Each structure stands twice: as C-alpha cells, then as structure tokens.
Amino acid sequence: MIDRITRDEVGRAIRDYMKNTITAFDLDAALQAVSCRTADETVKFVAKQMWFNYDDRKNHYIIASKQQWDFFNRLLLLLESEAEVEFVRVRTSWRDELHRFFHRQKPSAADLAITPYPSITSLATLRRSVKQFVRGRYPRHIAERRIRSIFVQYVMWIPGIVILLIFSPFALAIRMFRRSRLEPQIRIPQQ
C-alpha cells in the first residue's frame, strides 16, 4: 500500500540531508518518526537502508562517497515512483547457508550500481516512468570529509573483531539450521 505523504516526507528528509541543511541526527529522527507511523513497506525499507549510511553516535553533515550518493538517488527514485518493496520469505538449507558463509563473494560494480533494483532494465523503466525525478549531483567537496580520524576508526573495530572471533563458531552453528528469511524485492508497476 503506497502512502504518498510519508514517502514525500522521507524523500524531503533525504534531500535535505544531501543538501547539508540537516545533520545525521535530524535525518535519523525524521526517518524514525515516519517509519514508525506508516504501513508502507517501501518507506520502512528506505529508512533502514539509509540507517547504514550515516553515523548515529556522532552528529555530522553528509559524508558520502560517490557510490553512496548514487545509492541515495536510487532510493529517492524508489520513493517518488509507484514501485513497492515486498518482502518474500526464502527457505534455505544448511548446505546453502554453509556455502554462503564460506563462499561469500564481493558484489560486482554492476550489482552495486543498480542496488536496490533487481536489474538495470527495471531501474531504467522506473526512471523513465518518473518524469519529474531530479537526480542530485555529487558535490566533490564532501569526498574528503570524515566523521573520525582513520586511527580512531581502526581502534573502534577492535572490540567487534574480538567478539566475532569468540562467537563465530556459534554464529556458524546457528546458520547451519534450516531456516527462512525475508528478502526484499521491488515490484515495479506495469505500464
């Protein structure tokens, strides 16, 4: 079910963040407020995807690579379109999970360029259907921005690595059980 009002609110918050008019905390507050009161799965999906692209422990203006900036534009296109995100339940076996655990491949440049869309064709189709969409240009001056120094960033990884080393056998054992998970799929309206 498309909720045009909440989609517009989330789109406006993301655009304001991209224009440096609001900070990460303001964006987080806006995304949380909207996603809590809507039933639109697309809005919730976009809010969750945005959460992975800013720091919610230190307030800052936008810090994004060109790749992240393009991803934000694709999320905005999704919000402005009539497309909807559906979550499909996928069942896996322990063999599938074991294979995914040990043979995880880095996504290709083409896969990253179309994320979250299923194909280039679907992205192009959606782009042609939304005539009023304006893609924001990447401001080169934000490429040098950092939230923390590189040294502090590496030091912050140490507790996570220690926890990963201690609990990785448990995580592997849990993943070996047959289970189902929800995967997002974008349903693009037919013209």
N, C-alpha and C. Protein backbone atom coordinates (compact mmCIF):
# COMPACT_ATOMS: atom_id res chain seq x y z
N MET A 1 0.84 -1.18 0.00
CA MET A 1 0.00 0.00 0.00
C MET A 1 0.89 1.25 0.00
N ILE A 2 0.72 2.07 -1.00
CA ILE A 2 1.55 3.27 -1.14
C ILE A 2 0.99 4.39 -0.29
N ASP A 3 1.85 4.97 0.54
CA ASP A 3 1.49 6.11 1.37
C ASP A 3 2.30 7.30 0.86
N ARG A 4 1.69 8.06 -0.06
CA ARG A 4 2.40 9.14 -0.75
C ARG A 4 2.89 10.21 0.23
N ILE A 5 2.15 10.48 1.30
CA ILE A 5 2.55 11.54 2.24
C ILE A 5 3.84 11.15 2.96
N THR A 6 3.92 9.93 3.47
CA THR A 6 5.14 9.53 4.18
C THR A 6 6.31 9.37 3.22
N ARG A 7 6.03 8.92 1.99
CA ARG A 7 7.12 8.83 1.00
C ARG A 7 7.70 10.21 0.72
N ASP A 8 6.83 11.21 0.61
CA ASP A 8 7.30 12.57 0.36
C ASP A 8 8.09 13.11 1.55
N GLU A 9 7.65 12.79 2.78
CA GLU A 9 8.37 13.24 3.97
C GLU A 9 9.77 12.63 4.03
N VAL A 10 9.87 11.34 3.78
CA VAL A 10 11.17 10.68 3.81
C VAL A 10 12.06 11.21 2.68
N GLY A 11 11.49 11.38 1.51
CA GLY A 11 12.25 11.93 0.38
C GLY A 11 12.76 13.33 0.68
N ARG A 12 11.93 14.15 1.31
CA ARG A 12 12.34 15.51 1.67
C ARG A 12 13.47 15.47 2.70
N ALA A 13 13.38 14.58 3.68
CA ALA A 13 14.43 14.48 4.70
C ALA A 13 15.75 14.04 4.07
N ILE A 14 15.70 13.07 3.15
CA ILE A 14 16.93 12.61 2.50
C ILE A 14 17.52 13.72 1.64
N ARG A 15 16.67 14.43 0.90
CA ARG A 15 17.17 15.54 0.07
C ARG A 15 17.78 16.64 0.92
N ASP A 16 17.15 16.95 2.07
CA ASP A 16 17.72 17.96 2.97
C ASP A 16 19.08 17.52 3.50
N TYR A 17 19.21 16.25 3.83
CA TYR A 17 20.49 15.71 4.28
C TYR A 17 21.54 15.82 3.17
N MET A 18 21.12 15.52 1.95
CA MET A 18 22.05 15.60 0.82
C MET A 18 22.45 17.04 0.50
N LYS A 19 21.59 18.01 0.86
CA LYS A 19 21.89 19.43 0.62
C LYS A 19 22.64 20.07 1.78
N ASN A 20 22.97 19.32 2.83
CA ASN A 20 23.66 19.84 4.02
C ASN A 20 22.81 20.79 4.83
N THR A 21 21.48 20.66 4.77
CA THR A 21 20.64 21.55 5.58
C THR A 21 20.23 20.89 6.89
N ILE A 22 20.35 19.56 6.99
CA ILE A 22 20.11 18.87 8.26
C ILE A 22 21.28 17.94 8.55
N THR A 23 21.43 17.58 9.81
CA THR A 23 22.52 16.70 10.22
C THR A 23 22.04 15.26 10.29
N ALA A 24 22.94 14.37 10.61
CA ALA A 24 22.61 12.94 10.71
C ALA A 24 21.58 12.68 11.80
N PHE A 25 21.66 13.39 12.93
CA PHE A 25 20.68 13.19 13.99
C PHE A 25 19.29 13.64 13.55
N ASP A 26 19.22 14.76 12.81
CA ASP A 26 17.93 15.24 12.30
C ASP A 26 17.35 14.24 11.30
N LEU A 27 18.21 13.70 10.45
CA LEU A 27 17.76 12.71 9.48
C LEU A 27 17.25 11.47 10.20
N ASP A 28 17.99 11.01 11.19
CA ASP A 28 17.60 9.83 11.95
C ASP A 28 16.24 10.04 12.62
N ALA A 29 16.06 11.18 13.22
CA ALA A 29 14.78 11.48 13.89
C ALA A 29 13.64 11.50 12.89
N ALA A 30 13.85 12.12 11.74
CA ALA A 30 12.80 12.20 10.72
C ALA A 30 12.46 10.81 10.18
N LEU A 31 13.48 10.01 9.89
CA LEU A 31 13.23 8.67 9.35
C LEU A 31 12.52 7.77 10.37
N GLN A 32 12.94 7.85 11.63
CA GLN A 32 12.31 7.04 12.66
C GLN A 32 10.86 7.44 12.89
N ALA A 33 10.60 8.74 12.91
CA ALA A 33 9.24 9.22 13.14
C ALA A 33 8.29 8.76 12.04
N VAL A 34 8.74 8.86 10.81
CA VAL A 34 7.88 8.49 9.68
C VAL A 34 7.71 6.97 9.59
N SER A 35 8.80 6.22 9.72
CA SER A 35 8.69 4.77 9.55
C SER A 35 7.90 4.11 10.67
N CYS A 36 7.81 4.75 11.85
CA CYS A 36 7.02 4.18 12.94
C CYS A 36 5.53 4.34 12.73
N ARG A 37 5.11 5.33 11.98
CA ARG A 37 3.67 5.59 11.85
C ARG A 37 3.08 5.17 10.50
N THR A 38 3.86 4.53 9.65
CA THR A 38 3.34 4.13 8.35
C THR A 38 3.30 2.62 8.20
N ALA A 39 2.45 2.18 7.28
CA ALA A 39 2.38 0.76 6.95
C ALA A 39 3.05 0.49 5.60
N ASP A 40 3.57 1.53 4.96
CA ASP A 40 4.21 1.41 3.66
C ASP A 40 5.58 0.73 3.84
N GLU A 41 5.71 -0.48 3.33
CA GLU A 41 6.96 -1.24 3.47
C GLU A 41 8.12 -0.57 2.73
N THR A 42 7.83 0.15 1.67
CA THR A 42 8.87 0.85 0.92
C THR A 42 9.52 1.93 1.78
N VAL A 43 8.71 2.66 2.52
CA VAL A 43 9.23 3.71 3.41
C VAL A 43 10.11 3.09 4.48
N LYS A 44 9.65 1.98 5.06
CA LYS A 44 10.44 1.31 6.10
C LYS A 44 11.75 0.77 5.53
N PHE A 45 11.69 0.23 4.31
CA PHE A 45 12.89 -0.30 3.66
C PHE A 45 13.90 0.82 3.40
N VAL A 46 13.45 1.95 2.89
CA VAL A 46 14.35 3.08 2.61
C VAL A 46 14.95 3.61 3.90
N ALA A 47 14.15 3.72 4.94
CA ALA A 47 14.67 4.21 6.23
C ALA A 47 15.76 3.29 6.76
N LYS A 48 15.54 1.98 6.63
CA LYS A 48 16.55 1.02 7.10
C LYS A 48 17.82 1.10 6.26
N GLN A 49 17.67 1.26 4.94
CA GLN A 49 18.84 1.36 4.07
C GLN A 49 19.63 2.64 4.36
N MET A 50 18.95 3.71 4.66
CA MET A 50 19.64 4.96 4.99
C MET A 50 20.38 4.85 6.31
N TRP A 51 19.84 4.09 7.25
CA TRP A 51 20.47 3.95 8.57
C TRP A 51 21.90 3.42 8.45
N PHE A 52 22.18 2.61 7.45
CA PHE A 52 23.51 2.05 7.26
C PHE A 52 24.49 3.05 6.65
N ASN A 53 24.04 4.26 6.31
CA ASN A 53 24.88 5.21 5.59
C ASN A 53 25.16 6.50 6.33
N TYR A 54 24.93 6.52 7.62
CA TYR A 54 25.33 7.66 8.44
C TYR A 54 25.65 7.16 9.84
N ASP A 55 26.33 7.98 10.60
CA ASP A 55 26.72 7.60 11.96
C ASP A 55 25.68 8.15 12.92
N ASP A 56 25.09 7.28 13.73
CA ASP A 56 24.08 7.76 14.68
C ASP A 56 24.65 7.93 16.09
N ARG A 57 25.97 7.98 16.20
CA ARG A 57 26.60 8.23 17.50
C ARG A 57 27.29 9.58 17.55
N LYS A 58 27.58 10.13 16.37
CA LYS A 58 28.22 11.43 16.30
C LYS A 58 27.49 12.26 15.26
N ASN A 59 27.03 13.42 15.65
CA ASN A 59 26.26 14.27 14.75
C ASN A 59 27.19 14.86 13.68
N HIS A 60 26.75 14.81 12.44
CA HIS A 60 27.57 15.30 11.33
C HIS A 60 26.68 15.63 10.15
N TYR A 61 27.21 16.46 9.26
CA TYR A 61 26.53 16.68 7.98
C TYR A 61 26.91 15.53 7.06
N ILE A 62 26.35 15.52 5.88
CA ILE A 62 26.51 14.38 4.99
C ILE A 62 27.97 14.06 4.72
N ILE A 63 28.27 12.79 4.83
CA ILE A 63 29.57 12.24 4.47
C ILE A 63 29.25 11.03 3.61
N ALA A 64 29.58 11.14 2.33
CA ALA A 64 29.21 10.06 1.40
C ALA A 64 30.18 10.00 0.24
N SER A 65 30.44 8.77 -0.18
CA SER A 65 31.23 8.58 -1.38
C SER A 65 30.31 8.77 -2.59
N LYS A 66 30.88 8.79 -3.76
CA LYS A 66 30.08 8.90 -4.99
C LYS A 66 29.13 7.72 -5.10
N GLN A 67 29.59 6.55 -4.72
CA GLN A 67 28.77 5.34 -4.77
C GLN A 67 27.58 5.47 -3.82
N GLN A 68 27.78 5.97 -2.61
CA GLN A 68 26.68 6.16 -1.66
C GLN A 68 25.71 7.23 -2.17
N TRP A 69 26.25 8.29 -2.74
CA TRP A 69 25.42 9.38 -3.26
C TRP A 69 24.48 8.84 -4.36
N ASP A 70 25.01 8.04 -5.25
CA ASP A 70 24.19 7.45 -6.30
C ASP A 70 23.14 6.51 -5.70
N PHE A 71 23.49 5.79 -4.65
CA PHE A 71 22.54 4.92 -3.96
C PHE A 71 21.40 5.75 -3.37
N PHE A 72 21.72 6.90 -2.76
CA PHE A 72 20.69 7.78 -2.21
C PHE A 72 19.73 8.22 -3.31
N ASN A 73 20.29 8.56 -4.48
CA ASN A 73 19.44 8.97 -5.60
C ASN A 73 18.52 7.83 -6.05
N ARG A 74 19.02 6.61 -6.06
CA ARG A 74 18.17 5.47 -6.44
C ARG A 74 17.08 5.23 -5.41
N LEU A 75 17.37 5.45 -4.12
CA LEU A 75 16.34 5.35 -3.10
C LEU A 75 15.28 6.44 -3.27
N LEU A 76 15.72 7.64 -3.61
CA LEU A 76 14.77 8.73 -3.86
C LEU A 76 13.87 8.41 -5.05
N LEU A 77 14.45 7.81 -6.09
CA LEU A 77 13.65 7.40 -7.25
C LEU A 77 12.61 6.38 -6.82
N LEU A 78 12.99 5.45 -5.98
CA LEU A 78 12.05 4.44 -5.48
C LEU A 78 10.91 5.10 -4.72
N LEU A 79 11.22 6.10 -3.91
CA LEU A 79 10.19 6.80 -3.14
C LEU A 79 9.24 7.59 -4.04
N GLU A 80 9.77 8.19 -5.09
CA GLU A 80 8.95 9.03 -5.96
C GLU A 80 8.15 8.23 -6.98
N SER A 81 8.44 6.96 -7.11
CA SER A 81 7.75 6.13 -8.09
C SER A 81 6.55 5.43 -7.47
N GLU A 82 5.91 4.62 -8.27
CA GLU A 82 4.79 3.80 -7.80
C GLU A 82 5.26 2.39 -7.44
N ALA A 83 6.55 2.16 -7.49
CA ALA A 83 7.10 0.83 -7.17
C ALA A 83 6.96 0.56 -5.67
N GLU A 84 6.88 -0.71 -5.34
CA GLU A 84 6.74 -1.09 -3.94
C GLU A 84 7.74 -2.18 -3.58
N VAL A 85 8.21 -2.13 -2.36
CA VAL A 85 9.09 -3.18 -1.84
C VAL A 85 8.23 -4.22 -1.17
N GLU A 86 8.44 -5.47 -1.56
CA GLU A 86 7.76 -6.59 -0.92
C GLU A 86 8.82 -7.46 -0.29
N PHE A 87 8.48 -8.07 0.81
CA PHE A 87 9.40 -8.98 1.46
C PHE A 87 8.92 -10.40 1.21
N VAL A 88 9.79 -11.19 0.60
CA VAL A 88 9.46 -12.55 0.21
C VAL A 88 10.22 -13.51 1.13
N ARG A 89 9.51 -14.49 1.66
CA ARG A 89 10.13 -15.47 2.55
C ARG A 89 10.89 -16.50 1.71
N VAL A 90 12.16 -16.68 2.02
CA VAL A 90 13.03 -17.63 1.33
C VAL A 90 13.50 -18.67 2.33
N ARG A 91 13.29 -19.94 2.02
CA ARG A 91 13.76 -21.02 2.90
C ARG A 91 15.11 -21.50 2.41
N THR A 92 15.99 -21.76 3.34
CA THR A 92 17.32 -22.24 2.99
C THR A 92 17.64 -23.51 3.75
N SER A 93 18.56 -24.25 3.20
CA SER A 93 19.02 -25.47 3.88
C SER A 93 20.38 -25.18 4.52
N TRP A 94 20.86 -26.10 5.32
CA TRP A 94 22.15 -25.90 5.97
C TRP A 94 23.26 -25.88 4.93
N ARG A 95 23.10 -26.62 3.84
CA ARG A 95 24.12 -26.60 2.79
C ARG A 95 24.21 -25.22 2.14
N ASP A 96 23.05 -24.62 1.89
CA ASP A 96 23.03 -23.28 1.31
C ASP A 96 23.70 -22.27 2.24
N GLU A 97 23.36 -22.36 3.51
CA GLU A 97 23.94 -21.43 4.48
C GLU A 97 25.45 -21.63 4.63
N LEU A 98 25.88 -22.86 4.64
CA LEU A 98 27.31 -23.16 4.74
C LEU A 98 28.05 -22.62 3.52
N HIS A 99 27.45 -22.82 2.36
CA HIS A 99 28.05 -22.32 1.12
C HIS A 99 28.12 -20.78 1.14
N ARG A 100 27.04 -20.14 1.56
CA ARG A 100 27.03 -18.67 1.63
C ARG A 100 28.04 -18.15 2.64
N PHE A 101 28.23 -18.89 3.74
CA PHE A 101 29.16 -18.45 4.78
C PHE A 101 30.60 -18.48 4.28
N PHE A 102 30.98 -19.55 3.58
CA PHE A 102 32.38 -19.70 3.17
C PHE A 102 32.68 -19.16 1.78
N HIS A 103 31.69 -18.98 0.96
CA HIS A 103 31.92 -18.53 -0.41
C HIS A 103 31.26 -17.19 -0.70
N ARG A 104 31.19 -16.37 0.30
CA ARG A 104 30.58 -15.05 0.12
C ARG A 104 31.45 -14.25 -0.85
N GLN A 105 30.82 -13.78 -1.91
CA GLN A 105 31.56 -13.02 -2.91
C GLN A 105 31.25 -11.53 -2.77
N LYS A 106 32.25 -10.75 -3.08
CA LYS A 106 32.07 -9.31 -3.07
C LYS A 106 31.18 -8.94 -4.26
N PRO A 107 30.18 -8.08 -4.06
CA PRO A 107 29.32 -7.73 -5.18
C PRO A 107 30.11 -7.01 -6.28
N SER A 108 29.71 -7.25 -7.50
CA SER A 108 30.40 -6.62 -8.63
C SER A 108 30.02 -5.14 -8.71
N ALA A 109 30.75 -4.40 -9.52
CA ALA A 109 30.46 -2.98 -9.71
C ALA A 109 29.08 -2.79 -10.32
N ALA A 110 28.69 -3.69 -11.22
CA ALA A 110 27.37 -3.60 -11.84
C ALA A 110 26.26 -3.83 -10.80
N ASP A 111 26.47 -4.79 -9.90
CA ASP A 111 25.47 -5.05 -8.85
C ASP A 111 25.34 -3.84 -7.92
N LEU A 112 26.46 -3.23 -7.57
CA LEU A 112 26.42 -2.06 -6.70
C LEU A 112 25.76 -0.87 -7.39
N ALA A 113 25.92 -0.78 -8.71
CA ALA A 113 25.38 0.35 -9.45
C ALA A 113 23.87 0.32 -9.58
N ILE A 114 23.25 -0.84 -9.40
CA ILE A 114 21.79 -0.92 -9.52
C ILE A 114 21.09 -1.19 -8.19
N THR A 115 21.83 -1.43 -7.13
CA THR A 115 21.23 -1.71 -5.82
C THR A 115 20.30 -0.57 -5.46
N PRO A 116 19.11 -0.80 -5.03
CA PRO A 116 18.39 -1.99 -4.61
C PRO A 116 17.52 -2.62 -5.69
N TYR A 117 17.69 -2.23 -6.94
CA TYR A 117 16.83 -2.74 -8.01
C TYR A 117 17.31 -4.10 -8.50
N PRO A 118 16.39 -4.93 -9.02
CA PRO A 118 16.77 -6.27 -9.45
C PRO A 118 17.59 -6.30 -10.74
N SER A 119 17.42 -5.29 -11.61
CA SER A 119 18.16 -5.28 -12.88
C SER A 119 18.28 -3.85 -13.40
N ILE A 120 19.16 -3.69 -14.36
CA ILE A 120 19.34 -2.38 -15.00
C ILE A 120 18.07 -2.01 -15.75
N THR A 121 17.43 -3.00 -16.35
CA THR A 121 16.20 -2.75 -17.10
C THR A 121 15.11 -2.20 -16.18
N SER A 122 14.97 -2.78 -14.99
CA SER A 122 13.94 -2.30 -14.06
C SER A 122 14.25 -0.88 -13.59
N LEU A 123 15.53 -0.59 -13.36
CA LEU A 123 15.92 0.75 -12.96
C LEU A 123 15.62 1.76 -14.07
N ALA A 124 15.96 1.41 -15.30
CA ALA A 124 15.71 2.30 -16.44
C ALA A 124 14.22 2.49 -16.67
N THR A 125 13.45 1.43 -16.54
CA THR A 125 12.00 1.52 -16.71
C THR A 125 11.39 2.45 -15.67
N LEU A 126 11.81 2.28 -14.44
CA LEU A 126 11.29 3.13 -13.37
C LEU A 126 11.71 4.58 -13.58
N ARG A 127 12.94 4.78 -14.01
CA ARG A 127 13.44 6.15 -14.24
C ARG A 127 12.64 6.84 -15.34
N ARG A 128 12.30 6.11 -16.40
CA ARG A 128 11.50 6.69 -17.49
C ARG A 128 10.07 6.98 -17.04
N SER A 129 9.56 6.20 -16.10
CA SER A 129 8.17 6.38 -15.66
C SER A 129 8.00 7.57 -14.72
N VAL A 130 9.08 7.98 -14.06
CA VAL A 130 9.00 9.12 -13.13
C VAL A 130 9.65 10.32 -13.81
N LYS A 131 8.83 11.05 -14.54
CA LYS A 131 9.33 12.18 -15.36
C LYS A 131 9.87 13.33 -14.51
N GLN A 132 9.26 13.57 -13.35
CA GLN A 132 9.62 14.73 -12.53
C GLN A 132 10.85 14.49 -11.64
N PHE A 133 11.43 13.29 -11.67
CA PHE A 133 12.56 12.99 -10.79
C PHE A 133 13.79 13.79 -11.18
N VAL A 134 14.40 14.42 -10.18
CA VAL A 134 15.62 15.20 -10.39
C VAL A 134 16.73 14.54 -9.59
N ARG A 135 17.74 14.09 -10.29
CA ARG A 135 18.88 13.41 -9.65
C ARG A 135 19.85 14.46 -9.13
N GLY A 136 20.21 14.33 -7.85
CA GLY A 136 21.16 15.28 -7.27
C GLY A 136 22.59 14.99 -7.74
N ARG A 137 23.33 16.05 -8.03
CA ARG A 137 24.72 15.89 -8.46
C ARG A 137 25.62 15.76 -7.24
N TYR A 138 26.66 14.94 -7.41
CA TYR A 138 27.58 14.69 -6.31
C TYR A 138 28.49 15.90 -6.10
N PRO A 139 28.46 16.51 -4.90
CA PRO A 139 29.37 17.62 -4.61
C PRO A 139 30.76 17.07 -4.24
N ARG A 140 31.73 17.38 -5.00
CA ARG A 140 33.09 16.84 -4.80
C ARG A 140 33.69 17.23 -3.45
N HIS A 141 33.26 18.33 -2.88
CA HIS A 141 33.88 18.78 -1.62
C HIS A 141 33.55 17.85 -0.44
N ILE A 142 32.54 17.00 -0.55
CA ILE A 142 32.24 16.10 0.57
C ILE A 142 33.08 14.82 0.52
N ALA A 143 33.82 14.63 -0.56
CA ALA A 143 34.62 13.41 -0.69
C ALA A 143 35.72 13.32 0.38
N GLU A 144 36.23 14.45 0.83
CA GLU A 144 37.31 14.46 1.82
C GLU A 144 36.82 14.45 3.25
N ARG A 145 35.54 14.57 3.47
CA ARG A 145 35.00 14.62 4.83
C ARG A 145 35.14 13.28 5.54
N ARG A 146 35.36 13.36 6.86
CA ARG A 146 35.43 12.17 7.71
C ARG A 146 34.71 12.46 9.01
N ILE A 147 34.14 11.42 9.57
CA ILE A 147 33.50 11.56 10.88
C ILE A 147 34.56 11.49 11.97
N ARG A 148 35.46 10.52 11.82
CA ARG A 148 36.55 10.32 12.77
C ARG A 148 37.85 10.15 12.00
N SER A 149 38.96 10.27 12.71
CA SER A 149 40.24 10.05 12.05
C SER A 149 40.38 8.56 11.70
N ILE A 150 41.23 8.24 10.79
CA ILE A 150 41.42 6.86 10.35
C ILE A 150 41.90 6.00 11.53
N PHE A 151 42.78 6.54 12.36
CA PHE A 151 43.28 5.80 13.52
C PHE A 151 42.13 5.43 14.46
N VAL A 152 41.29 6.39 14.78
CA VAL A 152 40.15 6.13 15.68
C VAL A 152 39.20 5.11 15.06
N GLN A 153 39.01 5.20 13.76
CA GLN A 153 38.14 4.24 13.08
C GLN A 153 38.66 2.81 13.23
N TYR A 154 39.96 2.63 13.05
CA TYR A 154 40.53 1.30 13.20
C TYR A 154 40.47 0.80 14.64
N VAL A 155 40.70 1.68 15.59
CA VAL A 155 40.62 1.30 17.00
C VAL A 155 39.20 0.87 17.36
N MET A 156 38.21 1.50 16.78
CA MET A 156 36.81 1.15 17.06
C MET A 156 36.45 -0.24 16.54
N TRP A 157 37.19 -0.76 15.57
CA TRP A 157 36.92 -2.09 15.02
C TRP A 157 37.42 -3.21 15.94
N ILE A 158 38.35 -2.93 16.82
CA ILE A 158 38.97 -3.97 17.65
C ILE A 158 37.96 -4.73 18.50
N PRO A 159 37.06 -4.09 19.25
CA PRO A 159 36.09 -4.89 20.04
C PRO A 159 35.20 -5.77 19.15
N GLY A 160 34.80 -5.26 18.01
CA GLY A 160 33.97 -6.05 17.10
C GLY A 160 34.68 -7.28 16.57
N ILE A 161 35.96 -7.13 16.27
CA ILE A 161 36.75 -8.26 15.76
C ILE A 161 36.92 -9.31 16.86
N VAL A 162 37.18 -8.88 18.08
CA VAL A 162 37.34 -9.81 19.20
C VAL A 162 36.04 -10.58 19.42
N ILE A 163 34.92 -9.89 19.42
CA ILE A 163 33.62 -10.55 19.60
C ILE A 163 33.36 -11.53 18.46
N LEU A 164 33.68 -11.13 17.24
CA LEU A 164 33.50 -12.00 16.09
C LEU A 164 34.33 -13.28 16.22
N LEU A 165 35.56 -13.14 16.66
CA LEU A 165 36.42 -14.32 16.81
C LEU A 165 35.90 -15.26 17.91
N ILE A 166 35.39 -14.69 18.98
CA ILE A 166 34.89 -15.52 20.08
C ILE A 166 33.60 -16.23 19.70
N PHE A 167 32.67 -15.52 19.08
CA PHE A 167 31.34 -16.08 18.84
C PHE A 167 31.11 -16.62 17.43
N SER A 168 32.11 -16.60 16.56
CA SER A 168 31.89 -17.08 15.19
C SER A 168 31.49 -18.56 15.12
N PRO A 169 32.01 -19.45 15.97
CA PRO A 169 31.51 -20.84 15.90
C PRO A 169 30.02 -20.95 16.21
N PHE A 170 29.53 -20.13 17.14
CA PHE A 170 28.10 -20.15 17.45
C PHE A 170 27.27 -19.62 16.28
N ALA A 171 27.76 -18.56 15.67
CA ALA A 171 27.05 -17.99 14.52
C ALA A 171 26.99 -19.00 13.38
N LEU A 172 28.08 -19.70 13.15
CA LEU A 172 28.11 -20.72 12.10
C LEU A 172 27.15 -21.86 12.43
N ALA A 173 27.11 -22.28 13.69
CA ALA A 173 26.20 -23.36 14.09
C ALA A 173 24.74 -22.96 13.91
N ILE A 174 24.41 -21.74 14.25
CA ILE A 174 23.03 -21.26 14.09
C ILE A 174 22.65 -21.19 12.62
N ARG A 175 23.57 -20.74 11.78
CA ARG A 175 23.28 -20.62 10.36
C ARG A 175 23.13 -21.98 9.68
N MET A 176 23.61 -23.03 10.31
CA MET A 176 23.53 -24.36 9.69
C MET A 176 22.14 -24.97 9.79
N PHE A 177 21.30 -24.45 10.70
CA PHE A 177 19.95 -24.98 10.79
C PHE A 177 19.11 -24.47 9.62
N ARG A 178 18.18 -25.29 9.19
CA ARG A 178 17.27 -24.87 8.13
C ARG A 178 16.43 -23.71 8.66
N ARG A 179 16.35 -22.68 7.88
CA ARG A 179 15.60 -21.52 8.33
C ARG A 179 15.04 -20.76 7.15
N SER A 180 14.21 -19.81 7.45
CA SER A 180 13.69 -18.95 6.40
C SER A 180 14.04 -17.51 6.76
N ARG A 181 14.18 -16.71 5.74
CA ARG A 181 14.49 -15.30 5.97
C ARG A 181 13.68 -14.48 4.97
N LEU A 182 13.52 -13.21 5.29
CA LEU A 182 12.79 -12.31 4.40
C LEU A 182 13.79 -11.55 3.54
N GLU A 183 13.56 -11.56 2.25
CA GLU A 183 14.41 -10.82 1.32
C GLU A 183 13.56 -9.78 0.61
N PRO A 184 14.08 -8.56 0.48
CA PRO A 184 13.30 -7.53 -0.20
C PRO A 184 13.32 -7.72 -1.71
N GLN A 185 12.19 -7.48 -2.34
CA GLN A 185 12.08 -7.47 -3.79
C GLN A 185 11.27 -6.25 -4.19
N ILE A 186 11.69 -5.61 -5.24
CA ILE A 186 10.99 -4.41 -5.70
C ILE A 186 10.02 -4.82 -6.80
N ARG A 187 8.74 -4.47 -6.58
CA ARG A 187 7.72 -4.74 -7.58
C ARG A 187 7.47 -3.45 -8.33
N ILE A 188 7.79 -3.48 -9.61
CA ILE A 188 7.65 -2.30 -10.46
C ILE A 188 6.31 -2.38 -11.18
N PRO A 189 5.51 -1.31 -11.13
CA PRO A 189 4.20 -1.34 -11.77
C PRO A 189 4.33 -1.47 -13.28
N GLN A 190 3.41 -2.21 -13.87
CA GLN A 190 3.39 -2.38 -15.33
C GLN A 190 2.70 -1.18 -15.95
N GLN A 191 3.22 -0.76 -17.09
CA GLN A 191 2.63 0.41 -17.75
C GLN A 191 1.67 0.02 -18.84
